[in-house]
Protein backbone atom coordinates (compact mmCIF):
# COMPACT_ATOMS: atom_id res chain seq x y z
CA MET A 1 26.85 -14.98 12.43
CA LYS A 2 26.14 -16.21 15.93
CA PRO A 3 23.62 -18.93 16.75
CA VAL A 4 20.64 -18.07 18.92
CA ILE A 5 18.92 -21.04 20.51
CA THR A 6 15.74 -21.64 22.47
CA PRO A 7 15.78 -22.58 26.17
CA GLU A 8 14.45 -25.99 25.18
CA GLU A 9 17.42 -26.49 22.87
CA ALA A 10 19.75 -25.41 25.67
CA SER A 11 18.23 -28.09 27.93
CA ARG A 12 18.69 -30.69 25.20
CA LEU A 13 22.37 -29.76 24.85
CA ASP A 14 22.83 -30.21 28.61
CA GLN A 15 21.11 -33.58 28.61
CA ASP A 16 22.92 -34.90 25.53
CA SER A 17 26.39 -33.82 26.64
CA PRO A 18 28.80 -36.75 27.09
CA GLU A 19 30.53 -34.87 29.89
CA PRO A 20 29.33 -35.14 33.50
CA VAL A 21 26.99 -32.35 34.54
CA GLU A 22 29.35 -31.49 37.39
CA ILE A 23 32.08 -30.63 34.89
CA LEU A 24 29.70 -28.37 32.96
CA MET A 25 28.56 -26.78 36.22
CA GLU A 26 32.12 -26.10 37.28
CA ARG A 27 32.89 -24.40 33.97
CA ALA A 28 29.74 -22.32 34.28
CA GLY A 29 30.70 -21.32 37.82
CA TRP A 30 34.12 -20.22 36.65
CA ALA A 31 32.49 -18.04 33.98
CA VAL A 32 30.26 -16.40 36.59
CA GLU A 33 33.21 -15.82 38.91
CA ILE A 34 35.20 -14.15 36.12
CA ALA A 35 32.23 -11.94 35.22
CA ALA A 36 31.89 -10.91 38.86
CA ALA A 37 35.56 -9.97 38.92
CA ARG A 38 35.02 -7.82 35.83
CA MET A 39 32.28 -6.06 37.75
CA GLY A 40 34.79 -5.14 40.45
CA VAL A 41 34.48 -7.99 42.96
CA GLY A 42 37.73 -8.61 44.80
CA TYR A 43 39.13 -9.13 48.27
CA GLY A 44 36.66 -8.00 50.90
CA SER A 45 33.74 -7.41 48.51
CA ARG A 46 30.37 -8.42 49.95
CA VAL A 47 28.55 -10.72 47.53
CA ALA A 48 25.07 -12.21 47.92
CA VAL A 49 24.40 -15.24 45.73
CA LEU A 50 20.71 -16.11 45.34
CA VAL A 51 20.14 -19.74 44.34
CA GLY A 52 17.21 -21.91 43.37
CA PRO A 53 16.86 -25.67 43.74
CA GLY A 54 17.97 -26.63 40.23
CA ASN A 55 21.19 -26.69 38.29
CA ASN A 56 21.16 -22.92 37.78
CA GLY A 57 21.41 -22.71 41.53
CA GLY A 58 24.27 -25.22 41.27
CA ASP A 59 26.13 -22.78 39.01
CA GLY A 60 25.61 -20.16 41.71
CA TYR A 61 27.01 -22.42 44.45
CA VAL A 62 30.14 -23.09 42.38
CA ALA A 63 30.61 -19.38 41.69
CA ALA A 64 30.13 -18.62 45.39
CA GLY A 65 32.94 -21.00 46.36
CA LEU A 66 35.28 -19.54 43.78
CA LEU A 67 34.53 -15.97 44.85
CA ARG A 68 35.14 -16.95 48.47
CA ARG A 69 38.57 -18.27 47.50
CA ARG A 70 39.17 -14.94 45.75
CA GLY A 71 38.73 -13.29 49.15
CA ALA A 72 35.19 -11.97 48.81
CA ALA A 73 32.76 -12.17 51.71
CA VAL A 74 30.13 -14.42 50.16
CA SER A 75 26.75 -15.51 51.47
CA VAL A 76 24.38 -17.82 49.63
CA TYR A 77 20.65 -17.23 50.06
CA ARG A 78 18.65 -20.23 48.90
CA LEU A 79 15.03 -20.17 47.83
CA LYS A 80 14.88 -23.93 48.41
CA GLY A 81 17.43 -26.63 49.06
CA PRO A 82 19.05 -28.33 46.04
CA LYS A 83 16.93 -30.98 44.34
CA THR A 84 19.40 -32.41 41.82
CA GLN A 85 22.48 -34.50 42.53
CA ALA A 86 24.69 -31.99 40.74
CA ALA A 87 23.28 -29.06 42.73
CA CYS A 88 23.91 -30.99 45.98
CA TRP A 89 27.51 -31.56 44.87
CA ALA A 90 27.90 -27.85 44.10
CA MET A 91 26.49 -26.83 47.48
CA SER A 92 29.02 -29.08 49.26
CA ARG A 93 31.80 -27.42 47.25
CA ALA A 94 30.61 -24.01 48.46
CA VAL A 95 30.43 -25.17 52.09
CA ASP A 96 33.95 -26.62 51.83
CA ALA A 97 35.15 -23.21 50.60
CA GLY A 98 33.72 -21.54 53.71
CA VAL A 99 30.60 -20.02 52.14
CA GLU A 100 27.74 -19.32 54.53
CA ILE A 101 24.45 -20.88 53.35
CA LYS A 102 21.22 -19.22 54.49
CA ASP A 103 17.56 -19.51 53.67
CA LEU A 104 16.24 -16.63 51.59
CA ALA A 105 15.65 -13.53 53.70
CA PRO A 106 15.39 -9.79 52.98
CA PRO A 107 18.68 -8.33 51.75
CA PRO A 108 21.13 -7.00 54.32
CA GLY A 109 22.74 -3.62 53.89
CA GLY A 110 26.13 -3.07 52.34
CA VAL A 111 25.94 -5.68 49.56
CA ASP A 112 28.36 -4.91 46.70
CA LEU A 113 26.98 -7.44 44.19
CA VAL A 114 23.91 -9.67 43.87
CA VAL A 115 24.37 -12.84 41.81
CA ASP A 116 20.97 -14.05 40.59
CA ALA A 117 21.19 -17.82 40.12
CA VAL A 118 17.62 -18.64 41.10
CA PHE A 119 15.97 -19.87 37.89
CA GLY A 120 18.03 -19.06 34.81
CA GLY A 121 16.63 -20.71 31.68
CA GLY A 122 14.28 -22.78 33.82
CA TYR A 123 12.02 -19.88 34.78
CA ARG A 124 8.34 -20.28 33.99
CA GLY A 125 5.43 -18.27 35.33
CA ARG A 126 5.86 -15.81 38.19
CA CYS A 127 8.67 -15.07 40.62
CA PRO A 128 8.06 -15.94 44.27
CA PRO A 129 7.14 -12.80 46.23
CA GLU A 130 10.10 -13.22 48.58
CA LEU A 131 12.41 -12.27 45.70
CA GLU A 132 10.84 -8.83 45.30
CA ALA A 133 12.82 -7.27 48.14
CA TRP A 134 16.01 -8.36 46.39
CA MET A 135 14.81 -6.78 43.15
CA ASP A 136 14.73 -3.48 45.04
CA CYS A 137 18.25 -3.94 46.41
CA PRO A 138 20.47 -1.08 45.12
CA ALA A 139 23.47 -3.36 44.50
CA PRO A 140 24.31 -4.24 40.87
CA VAL A 141 23.03 -7.60 39.65
CA LEU A 142 24.91 -10.33 37.78
CA ALA A 143 22.42 -12.81 36.30
CA VAL A 144 23.30 -16.44 35.66
CA ASP A 145 21.86 -17.40 32.27
CA PHE A 146 18.77 -15.15 32.71
CA PRO A 147 17.49 -12.61 35.22
CA SER A 148 14.78 -14.27 37.30
CA GLY A 149 11.36 -13.09 36.18
CA LEU A 150 12.30 -12.86 32.50
CA ASP A 151 10.81 -15.50 30.20
CA PRO A 152 13.84 -17.17 28.57
CA GLY A 153 11.99 -17.90 25.36
CA THR A 154 10.08 -14.73 24.61
CA GLY A 155 11.89 -12.10 26.68
CA ARG A 156 8.63 -11.08 28.30
CA VAL A 157 8.31 -10.05 31.93
CA GLY A 158 5.34 -10.99 34.08
CA ASP A 159 4.95 -8.85 37.16
CA ARG A 160 8.61 -8.15 37.96
CA ALA A 161 12.12 -9.31 37.13
CA PHE A 162 15.67 -8.62 38.20
CA SER A 163 17.31 -5.87 36.17
CA ALA A 164 20.87 -7.09 35.60
CA GLN A 165 23.89 -5.02 34.68
CA ARG A 166 25.47 -8.15 33.22
CA THR A 167 24.27 -11.63 32.29
CA VAL A 168 26.44 -14.69 31.79
CA THR A 169 24.90 -17.33 29.56
CA PHE A 170 26.36 -20.57 28.31
CA GLN A 171 27.33 -21.81 24.86
CA ALA A 172 24.97 -19.57 22.85
CA LEU A 173 22.64 -16.63 23.10
CA LYS A 174 19.04 -17.57 23.83
CA THR A 175 15.99 -16.07 22.18
CA GLY A 176 14.92 -14.35 25.40
CA HIS A 177 18.15 -12.37 25.53
CA LEU A 178 17.22 -10.59 22.31
CA LEU A 179 13.43 -10.57 22.09
CA GLY A 180 10.82 -8.63 24.01
CA GLU A 181 12.17 -6.88 27.10
CA GLY A 182 15.21 -9.16 27.25
CA PRO A 183 17.77 -6.52 26.22
CA ASP A 184 16.42 -4.14 28.88
CA TYR A 185 16.71 -6.64 31.72
CA CYS A 186 19.81 -8.64 30.73
CA GLY A 187 22.28 -5.76 30.46
CA LYS A 188 25.52 -6.78 28.81
CA VAL A 189 25.31 -10.45 27.82
CA GLU A 190 28.45 -12.59 27.85
CA VAL A 191 28.47 -16.02 26.24
CA ALA A 192 30.74 -18.57 27.94
CA ASP A 193 31.82 -21.71 26.11
CA ILE A 194 31.41 -24.64 28.52
CA GLY A 195 31.92 -27.40 25.95
CA LEU A 196 28.42 -28.10 24.63
CA VAL A 197 28.19 -29.01 20.94
CA GLY A 198 25.60 -29.63 18.26
CA ALA A 199 23.27 -26.67 18.84
CA ARG A 200 20.35 -26.27 16.45
CA PRO A 201 19.76 -22.51 16.26
CA ALA A 202 16.31 -20.96 16.20
CA MET A 203 17.82 -17.77 14.75
CA LEU A 204 21.13 -16.40 13.57
CA LEU A 205 22.47 -13.10 14.87
CA ALA A 206 23.54 -10.99 11.89
CA GLU A 207 27.03 -9.52 12.00
CA LYS A 208 28.84 -7.26 9.54
CA GLU A 209 30.17 -10.20 7.53
CA ASP A 210 26.62 -11.49 7.00
CA CYS A 211 25.40 -8.24 5.48
CA PRO A 212 27.05 -7.72 2.07
CA ARG A 213 26.98 -4.60 -0.06
CA PRO A 214 27.76 -5.69 -3.62
CA GLY A 215 30.00 -3.64 -5.89
CA ARG A 216 29.64 -2.66 -9.53
CA SER A 217 31.47 -4.04 -12.51
CA ARG A 218 33.82 -1.80 -14.48
CA VAL A 219 31.40 -1.69 -17.42
CA ALA A 220 28.23 -1.03 -15.40
CA HIS A 221 25.65 1.45 -16.67
CA LYS A 222 22.64 2.87 -14.91
CA TRP A 223 20.30 0.08 -15.89
CA SER A 224 22.71 -2.77 -15.22
CA ALA A 225 23.69 -1.30 -11.82
CA GLY A 226 20.23 -2.04 -10.44
CA SER A 227 16.94 -0.29 -11.09
CA VAL A 228 14.14 0.43 -8.63
CA ILE A 229 10.68 1.86 -9.09
CA VAL A 230 8.99 3.26 -5.99
CA VAL A 231 5.21 3.42 -6.26
CA GLY A 232 3.69 5.61 -3.60
CA GLY A 233 2.78 9.08 -2.49
CA SER A 234 -0.62 10.69 -2.33
CA ARG A 235 -1.91 14.06 -1.29
CA GLY A 236 -0.16 15.07 1.93
CA MET A 237 2.17 12.05 1.87
CA THR A 238 4.36 12.49 -1.19
CA GLY A 239 7.36 12.80 1.12
CA ALA A 240 7.23 9.09 1.93
CA ALA A 241 7.76 8.10 -1.70
CA VAL A 242 10.44 10.77 -2.12
CA LEU A 243 12.37 9.48 0.89
CA ALA A 244 12.23 5.88 -0.37
CA GLY A 245 13.35 6.95 -3.84
CA ARG A 246 16.21 9.11 -2.59
CA SER A 247 17.34 6.31 -0.29
CA ALA A 248 17.36 3.80 -3.16
CA LEU A 249 19.49 6.16 -5.26
CA HIS A 250 21.96 6.87 -2.44
CA ALA A 251 22.07 3.14 -1.69
CA GLY A 252 23.57 2.48 -5.09
CA ALA A 253 20.72 1.76 -7.49
CA GLY A 254 21.67 3.06 -10.93
CA ALA A 255 18.17 4.13 -11.94
CA VAL A 256 15.31 5.05 -9.62
CA GLU A 257 11.85 6.15 -10.66
CA LEU A 258 8.97 7.47 -8.59
CA MET A 259 5.48 6.61 -9.72
CA VAL A 260 2.96 8.87 -8.00
CA PRO A 261 -0.63 9.99 -8.58
CA GLY A 262 -0.72 12.31 -11.58
CA GLY A 263 -1.85 15.26 -9.50
CA CYS A 264 1.32 15.00 -7.40
CA GLN A 265 3.87 14.51 -10.18
CA SER A 266 4.88 18.12 -10.75
CA LEU A 267 5.41 18.67 -7.04
CA VAL A 268 7.59 15.56 -6.71
CA ALA A 269 9.61 16.29 -9.85
CA GLY A 270 10.46 19.73 -8.51
CA VAL A 271 11.66 18.32 -5.19
CA VAL A 272 13.86 15.50 -6.53
CA PRO A 273 15.07 16.30 -10.04
CA GLU A 274 17.64 13.50 -9.77
CA LEU A 275 14.85 10.89 -9.88
CA LEU A 276 12.71 9.83 -12.80
CA THR A 277 9.05 10.59 -12.17
CA VAL A 278 5.84 9.44 -13.78
CA GLY A 279 2.24 10.21 -12.84
CA LEU A 280 -0.78 7.94 -12.95
CA GLY A 281 -4.12 9.53 -13.82
CA GLU A 282 -5.20 13.04 -12.97
CA GLY A 283 -6.00 12.88 -9.26
CA ARG A 284 -3.93 12.88 -6.11
CA HIS A 285 -4.66 9.30 -5.05
CA PHE A 286 -4.24 5.95 -6.75
CA SER A 287 -7.23 4.31 -8.42
CA VAL A 288 -7.75 0.64 -9.20
CA SER A 289 -8.05 1.64 -12.86
CA HIS A 290 -4.35 2.60 -12.77
CA ALA A 291 -3.11 -0.85 -11.67
CA ASP A 292 -2.42 -2.30 -15.11
CA ALA A 293 -0.48 0.80 -16.20
CA CYS A 294 1.53 0.60 -13.00
CA LEU A 295 2.41 -3.06 -13.62
CA ALA A 296 3.34 -2.39 -17.23
CA ARG A 297 5.68 0.45 -16.26
CA ALA A 298 7.24 -1.56 -13.43
CA ALA A 299 8.21 -4.39 -15.80
CA ARG A 300 11.23 -2.35 -16.90
CA PHE A 301 12.70 -2.26 -13.38
CA ASP A 302 14.49 -4.91 -11.35
CA VAL A 303 12.54 -4.23 -8.14
CA MET A 304 9.29 -2.48 -7.35
CA VAL A 305 8.67 -0.93 -3.92
CA ILE A 306 4.99 -0.33 -3.27
CA GLY A 307 3.37 1.41 -0.35
CA PRO A 308 5.17 4.50 0.97
CA GLY A 309 2.54 7.20 1.40
CA ILE A 310 -0.23 5.59 -0.67
CA GLY A 311 -2.90 6.28 1.96
CA ARG A 312 -5.67 4.09 3.31
CA THR A 313 -8.74 4.81 1.21
CA GLU A 314 -10.83 1.87 0.04
CA GLU A 315 -9.98 2.69 -3.60
CA THR A 316 -6.26 2.69 -2.77
CA ARG A 317 -6.67 -0.63 -1.00
CA LYS A 318 -8.24 -2.16 -4.11
CA TRP A 319 -5.47 -0.72 -6.26
CA ALA A 320 -2.76 -2.15 -4.00
CA ARG A 321 -4.35 -5.59 -3.96
CA ARG A 322 -4.54 -5.55 -7.75
CA VAL A 323 -0.85 -4.64 -8.02
CA ILE A 324 0.22 -7.29 -5.49
CA THR A 325 -1.71 -10.01 -7.29
CA GLY A 326 -0.54 -8.84 -10.72
CA ARG A 327 2.48 -10.05 -12.62
CA ALA A 328 4.99 -7.82 -10.91
CA GLY A 329 8.41 -9.39 -10.51
CA ALA A 330 10.53 -8.66 -7.43
CA LEU A 331 8.25 -6.75 -5.07
CA VAL A 332 8.75 -4.98 -1.72
CA VAL A 333 5.41 -4.46 0.02
CA ASP A 334 5.76 -1.65 2.53
CA ALA A 335 3.73 0.71 4.69
CA ASP A 336 0.06 1.17 3.76
CA ALA A 337 0.26 -1.48 1.02
CA LEU A 338 0.56 -4.00 3.86
CA ARG A 339 -2.86 -2.90 5.10
CA ALA A 340 -4.29 -4.10 1.80
CA ALA A 341 -2.60 -7.50 1.98
CA ASP A 342 -3.31 -10.72 3.81
CA VAL A 343 -1.45 -14.00 4.15
CA ASP A 344 -3.46 -15.73 1.45
CA LEU A 345 -2.89 -12.90 -1.02
CA LEU A 346 0.85 -12.86 -0.39
CA SER A 347 1.27 -16.63 -0.50
CA ARG A 348 -0.33 -16.78 -3.96
CA ARG A 349 2.31 -14.55 -5.51
CA ARG A 350 4.54 -16.38 -7.98
CA HIS A 351 7.45 -13.94 -7.76
CA PRO A 352 9.85 -13.08 -4.93
CA THR A 353 8.27 -10.84 -2.33
CA VAL A 354 9.59 -9.01 0.74
CA ILE A 355 7.24 -7.45 3.27
CA THR A 356 8.37 -4.89 5.84
CA PRO A 357 5.82 -4.73 8.66
CA HIS A 358 6.27 -2.93 11.94
CA ARG A 359 4.57 -4.50 14.94
CA GLY A 360 1.15 -3.02 14.24
CA GLU A 361 1.18 -4.02 10.57
CA LEU A 362 2.39 -7.48 11.53
CA ALA A 363 -0.53 -7.87 13.93
CA SER A 364 -2.94 -7.10 11.08
CA LEU A 365 -1.46 -10.08 9.19
CA THR A 366 -1.04 -12.60 12.01
CA GLY A 367 -3.26 -11.51 14.89
CA PRO A 368 -2.52 -9.69 18.15
CA ASP A 369 0.76 -9.89 20.04
CA PRO A 370 2.91 -11.29 17.21
CA GLY A 371 6.30 -12.79 18.00
CA LEU A 372 9.03 -14.87 16.41
CA ALA A 373 6.73 -17.82 15.71
CA GLU A 374 4.27 -15.65 13.80
CA ILE A 375 7.01 -14.04 11.70
CA GLN A 376 8.46 -17.47 10.91
CA SER A 377 5.04 -18.71 9.85
CA LEU A 378 4.78 -15.85 7.36
CA GLY A 379 8.22 -16.76 6.03
CA ARG A 380 7.08 -20.33 5.50
CA ALA A 381 4.12 -18.96 3.52
CA GLY A 382 6.57 -17.96 0.79
CA VAL A 383 7.54 -14.37 1.51
CA VAL A 384 10.58 -12.81 3.13
CA VAL A 385 9.52 -10.95 6.26
CA LEU A 386 11.50 -7.99 7.57
CA GLY A 387 9.82 -7.47 10.94
CA LYS A 388 10.84 -3.96 11.98
CA GLY A 389 11.63 -3.30 15.62
CA ASN A 390 14.40 -3.63 18.15
CA PRO A 391 15.58 -6.15 17.31
CA THR A 392 14.56 -6.57 13.67
CA LEU A 393 13.72 -10.11 12.54
CA VAL A 394 14.23 -11.33 8.99
CA CYS A 395 12.64 -14.68 8.17
CA ASP A 396 12.12 -16.69 5.01
CA ALA A 397 11.10 -20.30 4.41
CA THR A 398 14.41 -21.73 5.63
CA GLU A 399 16.22 -19.21 7.85
CA SER A 400 15.54 -16.70 10.60
CA TRP A 401 17.92 -13.83 11.31
CA VAL A 402 17.95 -11.29 14.09
CA VAL A 403 19.46 -7.83 13.56
CA LYS A 404 20.38 -5.93 16.74
CA GLU A 405 21.49 -2.76 14.95
CA GLY A 406 19.04 0.09 15.18
CA GLY A 407 18.12 2.07 18.27
CA PRO A 408 15.59 4.63 19.45
CA GLU A 409 17.14 7.26 17.18
CA LEU A 410 15.27 5.58 14.30
CA ALA A 411 11.91 6.26 15.96
CA THR A 412 11.23 9.16 13.63
CA ILE A 413 8.68 9.56 10.86
CA GLY A 414 9.99 8.46 7.47
CA SER A 415 12.82 6.21 8.65
CA GLY A 416 10.88 3.16 7.46
CA ASP A 417 10.56 4.69 3.99
CA VAL A 418 14.34 5.08 3.90
CA LEU A 419 14.71 1.41 4.87
CA ALA A 420 12.33 0.30 2.11
CA GLY A 421 14.31 2.17 -0.54
CA TRP A 422 17.61 0.80 0.76
CA LEU A 423 16.23 -2.73 0.66
CA GLY A 424 15.01 -2.28 -2.90
CA ALA A 425 18.41 -0.99 -4.00
CA LEU A 426 20.37 -3.87 -2.44
CA TRP A 427 18.01 -6.37 -4.01
CA ALA A 428 18.30 -4.68 -7.40
CA ARG A 429 22.11 -4.67 -7.03
CA GLY A 430 22.12 -8.46 -6.98
CA LEU A 431 21.51 -9.73 -3.47
CA SER A 432 18.90 -12.38 -2.76
CA PRO A 433 15.71 -10.97 -1.23
CA SER A 434 16.58 -12.38 2.20
CA ALA A 435 20.15 -11.07 2.11
CA ALA A 436 18.92 -7.68 0.88
CA ALA A 437 16.45 -7.44 3.77
CA ARG A 438 19.07 -8.47 6.31
CA SER A 439 21.72 -6.12 4.95
CA ALA A 440 19.35 -3.18 4.65
CA ALA A 441 18.22 -3.58 8.26
CA PHE A 442 21.79 -3.92 9.53
CA TRP A 443 23.27 -0.91 7.71
CA HIS A 444 20.15 1.17 8.27
CA GLY A 445 20.76 0.69 11.99
CA ARG A 446 24.47 1.48 11.70
CA ALA A 447 23.74 4.60 9.67
CA GLY A 448 21.16 5.80 12.18
CA ALA A 449 23.59 5.36 15.08
CA ALA A 450 26.34 7.20 13.23
CA LEU A 451 24.03 10.07 12.33
CA ALA A 452 22.76 10.26 15.92
CA SER A 453 26.34 10.78 17.13
CA ARG A 454 26.42 14.04 15.17
CA ARG A 455 22.86 15.38 15.21
CA THR A 456 19.19 14.57 15.68
CA VAL A 457 18.11 11.85 13.27
CA THR A 458 15.46 12.87 10.76
CA ALA A 459 14.45 10.89 7.71
CA ASP A 460 15.74 13.43 5.20
CA ALA A 461 19.17 13.44 6.85
CA LEU A 462 19.11 9.65 7.06
CA ALA A 463 18.41 9.37 3.33
CA GLU A 464 21.58 11.41 2.73
CA GLU A 465 23.53 9.34 5.27
CA VAL A 466 22.74 6.18 3.29
CA GLY A 467 25.46 6.99 0.78
CA ARG A 468 28.19 6.75 3.45
CA TRP A 469 27.18 3.14 4.14
CA ALA A 470 26.21 1.90 0.69
CA TRP A 471 29.47 0.30 -0.35
CA GLU A 472 32.10 -1.99 1.11
CA GLY A 473 35.14 -0.11 2.31
CA LEU A 474 33.42 3.21 3.05
CA THR A 475 32.70 2.28 6.69
């Protein structure tokens, strides 16, 4: 795992450091200089360093002096003169190294690299208009801490921002590097250790070691290996339940059953003979009168996944609410079942619950434009939230995780159903609900990327691909 901190926490670390700020600034400048060298800067390269008045600008002054000593032709363009003692010290270092200091002007021709050290983590609001010409400069951009114009907390962009090929940040990733448009504007992010300690992370970045895939005991049988019941499907949408069920089976659950409307059972049974199937009622949609039978059947299984393909009729909504408020044990609430839920309904459940909203479904629970804070508030309400997207956020009452795996190849109908089945299987195999959500999101992303390297990703192919990633040691 890697810690991810807020810009406010980064400022606290700076202020609480026992080391002089000049020492920290010098280390930061060295990190920027090394990153510039990795981008091809050497003797004779023409480098423009844009600086602001604060300590981020001070990092830029230090880097400018070091690059000048490397033999680069360096000019510093300042938005304003330095306003902190440390930034004044850094500017004098750059002058001593022979760096030319200029007021900000339109970019000259022939620049090989632009170093953006204007605002960093201190950016708030809008970029000054005089920076816009530099944003159009064709030279590659190296950002110091953050590209100017990108909100360091949310990763949102106002009017415009620098689009960096590489960003050097210090001590830990910040939330804005991963959220919103941050990944699009930051390019490759390098984290440089400059000696700050005691960070309190807002999130943890999930890595392979944080995403277990439990094994089976020698004496396991199909019911002890983890059992999942997927409740979903309706006329025209039976495929969603089938995909979730197939995914759960390929993900290692020993027994998987599909519960579908009675009018759809024969169709489903013919498509997936490897899965148990049971029908409720006679029609092709769920009815509230079927809720108690559904709950009674689900009691045999370790985990129930509800929602894939259930539809959005008012009767289905009533049925889903009755199931969610019933005495179901471990429950994954997915897809259209989320449309029937609300925060109060979910918080009153007495059993472990994972919800899997995409951005639109999340907005229906929390209000428009949901972000990290809204997902964390749902986690504190007593459920585990797997907020689907790029990145995916997994939050419970005590921890928040961010999962970077998963790219645009997963933007295909049915991939969320595959994820729901995978989650249910990992939970049934013995992981905690939070660990199951985190692991499912991580390996779902890895599987999608691997499949995309061979062919177009479709949900049916992804459900098959699950088996290659279900167990430790296979990949």
